[in-house]
Protein backbone atom coordinates (compact mmCIF):
# COMPACT_ATOMS: atom_id res chain seq x y z
CA MET A 1 116.10 85.74 79.11
CA PRO A 2 113.72 84.78 81.93
CA VAL A 3 114.93 83.43 85.26
CA THR A 4 113.00 81.89 88.13
CA ILE A 5 112.91 83.61 91.50
CA VAL A 6 110.92 82.92 94.66
CA VAL A 7 109.41 85.91 96.46
CA ASP A 8 107.82 85.37 99.88
CA GLY A 9 107.25 81.71 99.06
CA LYS A 10 105.83 82.18 95.55
CA GLU A 11 107.63 81.35 92.29
CA TYR A 12 107.86 83.83 89.42
CA GLN A 13 109.48 84.18 86.00
CA VAL A 14 111.27 87.52 85.58
CA ASN A 15 113.76 89.15 83.21
CA GLU A 16 117.37 88.32 84.17
CA ASN A 17 118.48 91.93 83.53
CA LYS A 18 116.20 93.32 86.23
CA THR A 19 117.15 94.32 89.74
CA ILE A 20 115.23 92.80 92.63
CA LEU A 21 113.36 96.10 92.98
CA GLU A 22 112.34 96.24 89.31
CA ALA A 23 111.40 92.55 89.16
CA CYS A 24 109.36 92.68 92.35
CA ARG A 25 107.49 95.80 91.27
CA ASP A 26 106.70 94.13 87.93
CA ILE A 27 105.06 91.21 89.72
CA GLY A 28 103.18 93.33 92.25
CA TYR A 29 105.42 93.71 95.31
CA ASP A 30 105.86 97.31 96.43
CA ILE A 31 109.33 97.57 97.93
CA PRO A 32 109.84 100.97 99.64
CA THR A 33 112.50 103.37 98.33
CA LEU A 34 113.82 106.85 99.06
CA CYS A 35 117.17 107.43 97.33
CA TYR A 36 116.05 105.47 94.24
CA HIS A 37 114.46 107.16 91.22
CA PRO A 38 114.04 105.48 87.80
CA ALA A 39 115.48 108.51 85.97
CA LEU A 40 118.70 108.54 88.04
CA THR A 41 121.69 106.31 88.68
CA VAL A 42 121.37 103.82 91.51
CA VAL A 43 123.38 104.52 94.67
CA GLY A 44 121.68 102.27 97.24
CA SER A 45 122.49 104.65 100.09
CA CYS A 46 119.25 104.96 102.09
CA ARG A 47 118.89 101.21 102.77
CA VAL A 48 115.11 101.51 102.90
CA CYS A 49 114.69 99.00 100.05
CA VAL A 50 116.54 96.15 101.77
CA VAL A 51 115.34 92.56 101.28
CA GLU A 52 116.40 89.18 102.59
CA VAL A 53 118.17 86.94 100.04
CA GLU A 54 118.61 83.30 101.01
CA GLY A 55 122.28 82.46 101.50
CA ALA A 56 123.37 86.06 101.98
CA ARG A 57 124.63 87.16 105.38
CA ASN A 58 123.45 90.74 105.11
CA LEU A 59 120.25 92.29 103.84
CA ALA A 60 120.58 93.34 100.20
CA PRO A 61 119.54 96.70 98.70
CA ALA A 62 116.87 95.71 96.19
CA CYS A 63 117.61 98.69 93.94
CA ALA A 64 121.24 97.66 93.42
CA THR A 65 121.02 93.84 93.42
CA LYS A 66 120.36 91.92 90.21
CA VAL A 67 118.10 88.89 90.22
CA ALA A 68 119.60 85.45 89.58
CA ASP A 69 118.08 82.14 88.64
CA GLY A 70 116.85 80.30 91.71
CA MET A 71 117.14 83.34 93.98
CA VAL A 72 114.90 83.15 97.05
CA ILE A 73 113.83 86.55 98.33
CA LYS A 74 111.87 87.74 101.35
CA VAL A 75 110.47 91.25 101.12
CA ASN A 76 108.11 91.19 104.10
CA SER A 77 109.96 89.17 106.72
CA ASP A 78 110.23 90.40 110.31
CA ARG A 79 113.95 90.98 109.80
CA VAL A 80 113.32 93.16 106.75
CA LYS A 81 110.54 95.18 108.38
CA LYS A 82 112.64 95.72 111.51
CA ALA A 83 115.56 97.01 109.42
CA VAL A 84 113.36 99.30 107.33
CA ARG A 85 111.69 100.68 110.43
CA PHE A 86 115.08 101.27 112.07
CA ASN A 87 116.47 103.10 109.02
CA LEU A 88 113.36 105.25 108.73
CA GLY A 89 113.60 106.02 112.44
CA LEU A 90 117.16 107.28 112.00
CA LEU A 91 116.03 109.60 109.20
CA LEU A 92 113.07 110.79 111.28
CA SER A 93 115.39 111.72 114.17
CA ASN A 94 116.50 114.88 112.34
CA HIS A 95 113.35 115.52 110.34
CA PRO A 96 110.81 118.06 111.69
CA ASN A 97 107.30 116.85 112.53
CA ASP A 98 105.56 119.72 110.74
CA CYS A 99 103.66 117.76 108.13
CA MET A 100 100.44 119.73 108.59
CA THR A 101 102.06 122.95 107.37
CA CYS A 102 104.36 121.39 104.78
CA ASP A 103 103.69 122.11 101.09
CA VAL A 104 104.07 118.43 100.17
CA ASN A 105 101.77 117.14 102.91
CA GLY A 106 99.80 114.22 101.50
CA ARG A 107 102.22 113.56 98.65
CA CYS A 108 105.47 113.09 100.56
CA GLU A 109 107.24 109.76 100.02
CA PHE A 110 108.88 109.89 103.44
CA GLN A 111 105.59 110.69 105.20
CA ASP A 112 103.95 107.75 103.45
CA LEU A 113 106.65 105.35 104.62
CA ILE A 114 106.63 106.65 108.20
CA TYR A 115 102.89 105.96 108.33
CA ARG A 116 103.11 102.65 106.46
CA TYR A 117 105.74 101.23 108.84
CA ASP A 118 104.25 102.87 111.94
CA VAL A 119 107.50 104.61 112.81
CA LYS A 120 107.56 106.65 116.01
CA ASP A 121 110.27 108.97 117.29
CA MET A 122 112.56 106.15 118.43
CA PHE A 123 115.74 108.25 118.69
CA PRO A 124 116.44 111.65 120.29
CA LYS A 125 115.61 114.49 117.91
CA GLU A 126 118.59 116.37 116.45
CA LEU A 127 116.90 118.95 114.25
CA ARG A 128 118.87 121.24 111.98
CA ASN A 129 118.52 125.00 112.07
CA SER A 130 119.30 125.87 108.45
CA PRO A 131 117.95 129.17 107.11
CA TYR A 132 115.49 128.99 104.23
CA ASP A 133 116.89 129.77 100.78
CA GLU A 134 114.27 132.06 99.23
CA SER A 135 116.67 133.73 96.79
CA SER A 136 115.17 132.11 93.70
CA PRO A 137 111.90 133.35 92.16
CA SER A 138 111.22 129.73 91.14
CA LEU A 139 112.41 127.44 93.93
CA PHE A 140 112.13 127.31 97.71
CA ARG A 141 114.75 125.34 99.70
CA ASP A 142 114.26 124.21 103.30
CA MET A 143 117.22 122.00 104.17
CA ASN A 144 115.78 121.27 107.61
CA LYS A 145 113.56 118.73 105.84
CA CYS A 146 116.31 117.15 103.76
CA ILE A 147 116.87 113.38 104.24
CA ALA A 148 120.18 113.42 102.30
CA CYS A 149 118.95 110.98 99.64
CA GLY A 150 121.06 112.75 97.00
CA ARG A 151 118.38 112.69 94.32
CA CYS A 152 118.62 116.45 93.71
CA VAL A 153 122.41 116.25 93.34
CA ARG A 154 122.15 113.44 90.78
CA ALA A 155 119.31 115.14 88.88
CA CYS A 156 121.28 118.37 88.53
CA GLU A 157 124.42 116.51 87.45
CA GLU A 158 123.05 113.64 85.36
CA LEU A 159 119.90 115.08 83.81
CA GLN A 160 120.95 118.71 83.53
CA GLY A 161 124.75 118.59 83.38
CA LEU A 162 125.04 121.58 85.73
CA SER A 163 126.27 120.08 89.02
CA ILE A 164 125.07 123.05 91.07
CA LEU A 165 124.70 120.94 94.21
CA SER A 166 127.01 118.58 96.07
CA MET A 167 126.74 116.71 99.36
CA VAL A 168 128.69 118.60 102.04
CA ASN A 169 129.36 118.05 105.76
CA ARG A 170 129.17 114.69 107.51
CA GLY A 171 126.73 112.56 109.45
CA HIS A 172 123.27 114.01 110.00
CA HIS A 173 124.67 117.41 108.97
CA THR A 174 125.12 116.19 105.38
CA LEU A 175 123.21 118.42 102.96
CA PRO A 176 123.04 119.10 99.20
CA LEU A 177 124.34 122.67 98.92
CA PRO A 178 125.76 125.02 96.28
CA ALA A 179 129.45 125.85 96.27
CA LEU A 180 130.81 128.42 98.73
CA GLY A 181 127.57 128.33 100.72
CA ALA A 182 126.00 130.60 98.11
CA PRO A 183 122.23 131.01 97.79
CA ILE A 184 120.85 129.11 94.82
CA ALA A 185 120.15 132.32 92.86
CA ALA A 186 123.86 133.17 92.90
CA THR A 187 124.78 129.98 91.04
CA ASP A 188 124.35 128.85 87.43
CA CYS A 189 120.97 127.36 88.42
CA ILE A 190 118.54 127.71 85.50
CA ASN A 191 115.41 127.31 87.66
CA CYS A 192 114.38 124.16 85.77
CA GLY A 193 113.13 122.54 88.99
CA GLN A 194 114.31 119.02 88.23
CA CYS A 195 115.69 118.95 91.78
CA ALA A 196 112.21 119.71 93.13
CA THR A 197 110.61 117.08 90.91
CA VAL A 198 112.74 114.26 92.31
CA CYS A 199 112.85 115.46 95.95
CA PRO A 200 110.91 112.86 98.01
CA VAL A 201 110.16 115.35 100.81
CA GLY A 202 109.54 119.10 101.12
CA ALA A 203 113.19 120.16 101.13
CA ILE A 204 113.04 121.58 97.60
CA THR A 205 109.74 122.77 96.18
CA GLU A 206 108.47 125.25 93.65
CA ARG A 207 108.14 128.71 95.17
CA PRO A 208 104.57 128.55 96.52
CA ASP A 209 102.44 131.24 94.88
CA PHE A 210 99.03 129.58 95.06
CA ARG A 211 98.02 131.55 98.16
CA LYS A 212 98.62 134.82 96.29
CA VAL A 213 96.16 133.58 93.66
CA LEU A 214 93.63 132.74 96.36
CA GLU A 215 93.99 136.27 97.72
CA GLU A 216 93.31 137.76 94.27
CA ILE A 217 90.29 135.52 93.82
CA ASP A 218 88.94 136.55 97.22
CA LYS A 219 89.46 140.27 96.47
CA HIS A 220 88.27 139.92 92.87
CA ASP A 221 88.85 143.60 92.14
CA LYS A 222 90.33 142.78 88.73
CA VAL A 223 89.35 140.67 85.74
CA LEU A 224 90.88 137.30 86.52
CA VAL A 225 92.34 135.51 83.47
CA VAL A 226 93.98 132.10 83.59
CA GLN A 227 95.77 130.19 80.83
CA THR A 228 97.00 126.60 80.70
CA ALA A 229 100.04 125.16 78.90
CA PRO A 230 99.75 122.13 76.60
CA ALA A 231 101.64 119.74 78.91
CA VAL A 232 99.41 120.45 81.93
CA ARG A 233 96.37 118.72 80.43
CA VAL A 234 98.17 115.37 80.08
CA ALA A 235 99.56 115.36 83.64
CA LEU A 236 97.12 117.12 85.98
CA GLY A 237 95.02 113.96 86.32
CA GLU A 238 97.94 112.28 88.09
CA GLU A 239 97.31 114.59 91.06
CA PHE A 240 93.92 112.86 91.39
CA GLY A 241 95.01 109.26 90.92
CA GLU A 242 94.77 109.06 87.13
CA GLU A 243 97.42 107.24 85.12
CA PRO A 244 100.18 109.28 83.43
CA GLY A 245 99.04 110.51 80.04
CA THR A 246 95.36 110.78 80.94
CA ILE A 247 93.91 113.73 78.99
CA THR A 248 91.71 115.86 81.26
CA THR A 249 91.45 119.12 79.33
CA GLY A 250 87.71 119.68 79.77
CA LYS A 251 87.72 118.89 83.49
CA MET A 252 90.69 121.18 84.00
CA VAL A 253 88.83 124.07 82.34
CA ALA A 254 85.76 123.36 84.43
CA ALA A 255 87.82 123.29 87.64
CA LEU A 256 89.45 126.63 86.86
CA ARG A 257 86.04 128.27 86.44
CA ARG A 258 84.93 126.85 89.78
CA ILE A 259 88.08 128.15 91.46
CA GLY A 260 86.87 131.62 90.48
CA PHE A 261 88.55 132.74 87.25
CA ASP A 262 86.52 134.95 84.92
CA TYR A 263 88.13 133.76 81.68
CA VAL A 264 89.94 130.52 80.91
CA PHE A 265 92.23 130.81 77.90
CA ASP A 266 94.54 128.31 76.25
CA THR A 267 98.28 128.91 75.98
CA ASN A 268 98.00 126.75 72.85
CA PHE A 269 96.46 129.74 71.08
CA ALA A 270 99.67 131.65 71.73
CA ALA A 271 101.72 128.61 70.69
CA ASP A 272 100.14 128.91 67.25
CA LEU A 273 100.94 132.62 67.37
CA THR A 274 104.53 131.81 68.34
CA ILE A 275 104.88 129.68 65.23
CA MET A 276 103.63 132.54 63.07
CA GLU A 277 106.17 134.94 64.59
CA GLU A 278 109.08 132.54 65.06
CA GLY A 279 108.51 130.83 61.72
CA SER A 280 108.39 134.18 59.97
CA GLU A 281 111.59 135.17 61.72
CA LEU A 282 113.29 132.00 60.49
CA LEU A 283 112.15 132.58 56.92
CA ASP A 284 113.26 136.21 57.12
CA ARG A 285 116.73 135.12 58.22
CA ILE A 286 116.87 132.61 55.36
CA LYS A 287 115.86 135.18 52.76
CA ASN A 288 117.57 138.31 54.11
CA GLY A 289 120.40 136.98 56.22
CA GLY A 290 120.68 136.66 59.97
CA ASN A 291 122.41 134.86 62.79
CA PHE A 292 122.52 131.10 62.39
CA PRO A 293 121.86 128.71 63.88
CA MET A 294 118.55 130.16 65.02
CA PHE A 295 117.37 128.81 68.36
CA THR A 296 113.80 128.53 69.59
CA SER A 297 113.08 130.67 72.65
CA CYS A 298 110.01 129.06 74.26
CA CYS A 299 111.88 127.45 77.16
CA PRO A 300 112.93 129.87 79.95
CA GLY A 301 115.24 127.27 81.49
CA TRP A 302 117.14 127.14 78.21
CA VAL A 303 117.18 130.95 77.98
CA ASN A 304 118.68 131.08 81.49
CA LEU A 305 121.30 128.50 80.54
CA MET A 306 122.23 130.43 77.42
CA GLU A 307 122.51 133.78 79.20
CA LYS A 308 124.62 132.34 82.03
CA LEU A 309 126.84 129.85 80.18
CA TYR A 310 126.66 130.58 76.43
CA PRO A 311 125.97 134.33 76.11
CA GLU A 312 127.63 134.45 72.70
CA TYR A 313 124.35 133.04 71.33
CA THR A 314 122.06 135.84 72.57
CA GLU A 315 121.56 137.10 69.01
CA ASN A 316 120.89 133.59 67.73
CA LEU A 317 117.75 133.10 69.80
CA SER A 318 114.44 133.90 68.24
CA SER A 319 113.24 137.20 69.67
CA ALA A 320 109.73 135.74 70.01
CA LYS A 321 108.45 135.62 73.57
CA SER A 322 107.37 132.29 75.00
CA PRO A 323 103.69 131.44 74.33
CA HIS A 324 102.34 132.21 77.79
CA GLU A 325 104.05 135.62 77.79
CA MET A 326 102.54 136.32 74.36
CA LEU A 327 99.10 135.48 75.66
CA GLY A 328 99.70 137.61 78.76
CA ALA A 329 100.61 140.55 76.52
CA LEU A 330 97.47 140.06 74.41
CA ALA A 331 95.25 139.64 77.47
CA LYS A 332 96.37 143.07 78.70
CA THR A 333 96.08 144.82 75.34
CA TYR A 334 93.94 143.20 72.64
CA PHE A 335 91.57 141.45 75.04
CA ALA A 336 91.53 144.32 77.56
CA GLU A 337 90.49 146.73 74.82
CA ARG A 338 87.73 144.38 73.69
CA ILE A 339 86.16 144.33 77.15
CA GLY A 340 86.85 147.99 77.89
CA LYS A 341 89.55 147.54 80.52
CA LYS A 342 93.03 148.93 81.12
CA PRO A 343 96.09 146.61 81.30
CA GLU A 344 96.31 147.12 85.06
CA ASP A 345 92.69 145.95 85.42
CA ILE A 346 93.59 142.46 84.15
CA PHE A 347 95.23 139.86 86.39
CA VAL A 348 96.82 136.98 84.43
CA VAL A 349 97.71 133.63 85.96
CA SER A 350 99.62 131.04 83.95
CA ILE A 351 99.32 127.34 84.80
CA MET A 352 102.62 125.87 83.65
CA PRO A 353 104.49 122.55 83.87
CA CYS A 354 107.59 124.61 84.49
CA THR A 355 109.19 126.26 87.53
CA ALA A 356 111.44 128.43 85.33
CA LYS A 357 108.30 130.23 84.09
CA LYS A 358 108.03 131.79 87.57
CA ASP A 359 111.45 133.32 87.04
CA GLU A 360 110.62 134.30 83.47
CA ALA A 361 107.52 136.26 84.55
CA THR A 362 109.72 138.60 86.61
CA ARG A 363 111.82 139.74 83.60
CA GLU A 364 111.67 143.49 83.10
CA GLN A 365 111.97 143.18 79.31
CA LEU A 366 108.66 141.28 79.19
CA LYS A 367 106.54 144.10 80.61
CA VAL A 368 103.61 145.34 78.52
CA LYS A 369 102.48 148.96 78.79
CA GLY A 370 104.52 149.20 81.97
CA VAL A 371 102.93 146.17 83.69
CA ASP A 372 103.82 142.49 83.83
CA GLY A 373 102.29 140.45 81.03
CA VAL A 374 101.85 137.52 83.41
CA ASP A 375 101.26 138.32 87.08
CA ILE A 376 101.68 134.89 88.67
CA VAL A 377 102.76 131.46 87.46
CA LEU A 378 101.47 128.33 89.15
CA THR A 379 102.79 124.85 88.45
CA THR A 380 100.66 121.83 87.59
CA ARG A 381 101.22 120.63 91.15
CA GLU A 382 100.00 123.95 92.58
CA LEU A 383 96.85 123.79 90.46
CA GLY A 384 96.18 120.31 91.83
CA LYS A 385 96.58 121.71 95.34
CA LEU A 386 94.19 124.60 94.61
CA ILE A 387 91.52 122.23 93.31
CA LYS A 388 91.82 120.08 96.42
CA MET A 389 91.79 123.09 98.76
CA LYS A 390 88.58 124.30 97.11
CA LYS A 391 87.05 120.82 97.53
CA ILE A 392 86.21 120.67 93.83
CA PRO A 393 85.16 117.13 92.78
CA TYR A 394 87.63 116.93 89.90
CA GLU A 395 86.83 113.37 88.82
CA SER A 396 83.11 114.10 88.37
CA LEU A 397 83.35 117.51 86.68
CA PRO A 398 81.73 117.98 83.26
CA GLU A 399 83.89 118.68 80.20
CA GLU A 400 83.97 122.41 79.46
CA GLU A 401 85.62 124.43 76.67
CA TYR A 402 88.06 127.33 76.74
CA ASP A 403 86.79 130.87 76.29
CA LYS A 404 87.13 132.43 72.86
CA PRO A 405 88.96 133.88 71.01
CA LEU A 406 92.14 133.18 72.99
CA GLY A 407 91.14 129.58 73.54
CA ILE A 408 91.16 128.35 69.94
CA SER A 409 94.19 126.31 68.89
CA THR A 410 95.51 123.61 66.57
CA GLY A 411 97.22 120.25 66.93
CA ALA A 412 100.51 121.96 66.13
CA ALA A 413 100.17 123.98 69.32
CA ALA A 414 99.47 120.90 71.42
CA ILE A 415 102.76 119.25 70.50
CA PHE A 416 104.65 122.20 72.01
CA GLY A 417 104.32 120.18 75.22
CA THR A 418 106.94 117.61 74.25
CA THR A 419 110.47 117.60 72.92
CA GLY A 420 110.52 118.09 69.15
CA GLY A 421 107.04 119.60 69.15
CA VAL A 422 108.04 123.21 68.58
CA MET A 423 110.32 122.15 65.73
CA GLU A 424 107.62 120.02 64.12
CA ALA A 425 105.00 122.77 64.44
CA ALA A 426 107.41 125.31 62.96
CA LEU A 427 108.28 123.03 60.04
CA ARG A 428 104.61 122.44 59.21
CA THR A 429 104.11 126.17 58.79
CA ALA A 430 107.53 127.15 57.39
CA TYR A 431 107.31 124.54 54.65
CA GLU A 432 103.92 125.67 53.38
CA ILE A 433 104.65 129.40 53.63
CA TYR A 434 108.09 129.08 51.98
CA THR A 435 107.09 126.71 49.18
CA GLY A 436 103.44 127.69 48.71
CA LYS A 437 102.64 123.98 48.61
CA GLU A 438 100.69 121.74 50.94
CA LEU A 439 102.66 119.29 53.04
CA PRO A 440 102.27 115.72 51.82
CA LYS A 441 102.47 114.57 55.46
CA VAL A 442 102.17 116.72 58.58
CA GLU A 443 104.16 114.42 60.88
CA PHE A 444 107.93 114.89 61.10
CA GLU A 445 108.96 111.60 62.70
CA ASP A 446 112.69 112.45 62.77
CA VAL A 447 112.21 115.05 65.52
CA ARG A 448 110.10 112.80 67.77
CA GLY A 449 111.20 110.54 70.62
CA PHE A 450 113.50 110.66 73.62
CA THR A 451 116.92 110.63 71.99
CA GLY A 452 118.89 113.41 73.69
CA VAL A 453 119.84 115.11 70.43
CA LYS A 454 117.87 114.44 67.25
CA GLU A 455 119.14 115.59 63.86
CA ALA A 456 117.55 115.82 60.42
CA VAL A 457 117.78 117.56 57.08
CA VAL A 458 114.47 119.04 55.91
CA SER A 459 113.82 120.23 52.38
CA LEU A 460 111.92 123.50 51.97
CA GLY A 461 111.72 123.41 48.21
CA ASP A 462 115.03 124.86 47.00
CA LYS A 463 116.36 125.24 50.54
CA GLU A 464 117.67 122.48 52.76
CA LEU A 465 117.55 123.08 56.50
CA LYS A 466 119.84 121.18 58.82
CA ILE A 467 117.93 120.97 62.08
CA ALA A 468 118.51 119.63 65.58
CA VAL A 469 116.34 119.04 68.64
CA ALA A 470 117.88 118.74 72.12
CA HIS A 471 116.24 118.21 75.50
CA GLY A 472 117.60 117.79 79.02
CA GLY A 473 120.45 120.02 80.16
CA SER A 474 123.17 117.38 79.70
CA SER A 475 122.26 116.81 76.05
CA VAL A 476 121.85 120.54 75.47
CA ILE A 477 125.31 121.32 76.87
CA ASN A 478 126.89 118.58 74.76
CA LEU A 479 125.28 120.05 71.64
CA LEU A 480 126.33 123.60 72.49
CA GLU A 481 129.91 122.54 73.10
CA LYS A 482 130.01 120.99 69.63
CA LEU A 483 128.61 124.19 68.15
CA ARG A 484 131.09 126.30 70.07
CA SER A 485 134.04 124.21 68.88
CA GLY A 486 132.82 124.17 65.28
CA GLU A 487 132.35 120.41 65.34
CA ALA A 488 128.68 120.73 64.38
CA TYR A 489 126.48 123.16 62.46
CA TYR A 490 122.70 123.51 62.15
CA ASP A 491 120.35 126.08 60.70
CA PHE A 492 117.53 125.74 63.22
CA ILE A 493 117.64 124.24 66.72
CA GLU A 494 114.89 123.53 69.23
CA ILE A 495 116.05 123.33 72.83
CA MET A 496 114.09 122.31 75.91
CA ALA A 497 115.89 122.31 79.25
CA CYS A 498 113.88 119.50 80.85
CA PRO A 499 114.02 115.81 79.89
CA GLY A 500 111.16 115.12 77.50
CA GLY A 501 110.43 118.82 77.17
CA CYS A 502 107.51 120.39 79.04
CA ILE A 503 105.92 117.01 79.83
CA GLY A 504 108.90 116.48 82.15
CA GLY A 505 108.93 120.03 83.50
CA GLY A 506 109.96 120.82 87.05
CA GLY A 507 106.40 121.73 88.04
CA GLN A 508 104.72 118.54 86.83
CA PRO A 509 103.29 115.88 89.16
CA LYS A 510 106.02 113.80 90.74
CA SER A 511 106.23 110.21 89.52
CA ASN A 512 108.39 107.16 90.12
CA LYS A 513 106.51 105.09 87.57
CA PRO A 514 108.71 103.79 84.76
CA GLY A 515 107.53 105.11 81.39
CA TYR A 516 105.52 108.04 82.77
CA LEU A 517 107.12 110.52 80.36
CA GLU A 518 106.50 108.24 77.38
CA ARG A 519 102.81 108.04 78.30
CA ARG A 520 102.52 111.81 78.61
CA MET A 521 104.21 112.17 75.22
CA GLU A 522 101.78 109.70 73.61
CA ALA A 523 98.87 111.72 74.98
CA ILE A 524 100.27 114.94 73.47
CA TYR A 525 100.44 113.35 70.04
CA THR A 526 96.95 111.92 70.51
CA ILE A 527 95.62 115.45 71.04
CA ASP A 528 97.35 116.52 67.82
CA GLU A 529 95.93 113.60 65.85
CA MET A 530 92.41 114.30 67.13
CA SER A 531 92.58 117.98 66.20
CA THR A 532 90.53 119.23 63.25
CA ILE A 533 93.25 121.75 62.33
CA ARG A 534 96.89 120.70 62.69
CA LYS A 535 98.84 123.66 61.29
CA SER A 536 99.34 126.94 63.15
CA HIS A 537 98.92 129.15 60.08
CA GLU A 538 95.42 127.73 59.62
CA ASN A 539 94.16 128.76 63.08
CA PRO A 540 91.19 131.04 62.22
CA ALA A 541 91.41 132.96 65.51
CA VAL A 542 95.10 133.73 64.95
CA LEU A 543 94.42 134.87 61.39
CA LYS A 544 91.63 137.11 62.64
CA LEU A 545 93.97 138.57 65.30
CA TYR A 546 96.41 139.60 62.59
CA GLU A 547 93.62 141.00 60.45
CA GLU A 548 92.00 143.02 63.24
CA TYR A 549 94.93 143.99 65.42
CA LEU A 550 98.51 142.96 64.69
CA GLY A 551 98.57 143.45 60.92
CA GLN A 552 101.04 140.73 60.02
CA PRO A 553 103.82 138.63 61.58
CA LEU A 554 106.87 140.72 62.55
CA SER A 555 104.87 143.96 62.24
CA HIS A 556 105.74 146.91 64.47
CA LEU A 557 102.93 146.05 66.91
CA SER A 558 103.91 142.37 66.87
CA HIS A 559 107.45 143.32 67.82
CA GLU A 560 106.19 145.60 70.59
CA LEU A 561 103.91 142.99 72.16
CA LEU A 562 105.27 139.59 71.15
CA HIS A 563 109.05 139.93 70.99
CA THR A 564 111.82 140.55 73.50
CA HIS A 565 115.61 140.61 73.90
CA TYR A 566 118.25 138.80 75.94
CA ARG A 567 121.45 139.70 77.77
CA SER A 568 124.59 138.06 79.07
CA ARG A 569 124.47 137.03 82.74
CA LYS A 570 127.84 135.31 82.74
CA GLU A 571 129.15 136.31 86.14
CA SER A 572 131.06 134.41 88.78
CA ILE A 573 129.24 132.91 91.73
CA LEU A 574 130.97 135.44 94.01
CA GLU A 575 129.80 138.37 91.86
CA ARG A 576 126.20 137.12 91.92
CA LYS A 577 126.39 136.45 95.65
CA LYS A 578 127.58 140.02 96.24
CA GLU A 579 124.77 141.42 94.06
CA LEU A 580 122.17 139.49 96.08
CA GLU A 581 123.63 140.71 99.38
CA GLU A 582 123.49 144.32 98.13
CA VAL A 583 119.83 143.91 97.14
CA GLU A 584 119.00 142.50 100.57
C-alpha cells in the first residue's frame, strides 16, 4: 500500500512497509549508515543514519523508523549534517589514521563517510592498543580499527548460528571478542568469513596473502598455475564498479595472464570431476551399503563445522576433496608430468570466494606427493586488489579463454557456485548413470532458491532419494539438530556454510545493495543455460583424464589424489587455547 512522504521538500509515493532508509534509497537519497546491513537485524546504534522528521523532538534513526502517510523528512538539513558529523567525529576519536597502509583502503565505508562529511579530528584521540589476532589461517583481526558497529556479532549469530563473538567492555573500549579472551582459532569459528564480509572497516579481513603471490610472480622460479572458482566470475566485476551478477569470465582470465601466471585453469573442470567421484560414491553406497545420509564435502566451512560440532558425521561426508584441491592435486601430478615437471616445481594459486579455503589448504591430509596441492588461496577481493595494484585496465581487457585441458567445463560445474548447485549437478549425473536413461529435463527446480533448507524426493528409476539442501550456518545447524534427534532423515544432503552458497562467500566483494545475492545467483544459472554441455559426465576433458590417467571413478589412483578423510576436532575452547599457546 503506497503512502505519501515529503523528502527535502519533494513529494514521493513509497511502500508503507518500508523504513525511512529503505524508502529514501529507493527514490535516490543516499542516507549514510554504519551499523546497518540489509542481511542483518536493525539495531540503530551508530546514529549515523539520523534524519529530521517534522513534529518529532529528536532526530530519528532512518534504519529503524517506518514511513507514515504525510511524513515530512529532511535528510540534508544543517541539523542532520551537524549530528552526523559529530557522531562520526566521536568514532574517529579512537580510530587510527593509518588508511594508507590499511587493507581496506579505498573500499572502507567509514573512510568514505569521513571524507564525505569532511570530518577532522575534533576530539582528543584515545587509541586502543589491542594485539592483532593472527591465530586463524583465514582471518586477520585488528580490533584497534573496530568502530563497535556490531555487524560481525550479528552475522555470526544470525546468519551462522555460532555466536562466537559478543560485545564486551564499555564505552570506547567496547569490542566484539570471543569468550574468555581466546584467540579466534581457539573457538568454534569455522573460518567462513561472514564477519569480514559485513565489517565496514579493516577490523576483520581475510588473511592477506596477495603479497606472497606477488613475491612468487617476481621470483618466477616455478611454473605458476592459477585456478578460479565458479562464483568468482559473477562477482569480481563489482570490485570495478560493475553491478552484482555481471559475468566477467573472459576479462578475469585475461587479467590473470597479465598479472604473470603461466597457466590459467578453471576450478569448474574439477567441479565436473567432483561430480564423477562424489556421484559414484553415492551410487556405490546405494548399491553396496554405506553411511547415510551422505553429505557433500565441497564446502570447507561446513567441514569445519562438522568436525568441531557434529563429529559423529565424519563417516557420512563424501571422501571427495573439494574441487580446487582436486585441481591442485592434478596440477602437481597429471599436468606436471605432461610438461615434464616435478610436483615441487608447480606453484598453485586458487582464487576463491571463500576465506575457509585458506584454512583448508593447510590441511595435512590434502598433501599430494608430500607437498601441498594448493599453495596459496586468494579471495575474490584480493584478486581485485592485485589487478588494481598491477594497474591492469580491467574494464577494457579482451575476453580470453582458460588453458586446456584443465579449463574445460560444463554448465553443471558452474552451478556449484550457488546453493543447490552441487546437488543439482550430482542429480543430473547420478540419474543418467543409475538408470541408463537420458534426463527429460536437466533443471531440478526444487533445490534452487534461497530457502534455508530445501527438501525433495527424487526418483532414480527404482530408487527414491530423499534429499535436502541447506545453506547458511543457522539453517545448517537447525537441520543437523533434527538429524541428530531423529526428527528428520535424508539420503543425500548438500551443505554450504555461507548464505546463498559460494556466491555469498566470506571472500566475495562487500555489498550493501539489496538483492545482490539474487543477482549473482541468476548469473550462475545464466552461465549454465548458455553452456553447450550441461552434465558433468559428458565433459570430454574429464572423460579423457579417466581414460589416460585415472582409470575410472573411485579407482586406486583417484582415491590417492582426489579423496581425503576427516577427524573430530570437538574440544573445549580452553583446550584449543592451550594447544595454540604450546605451538607459540
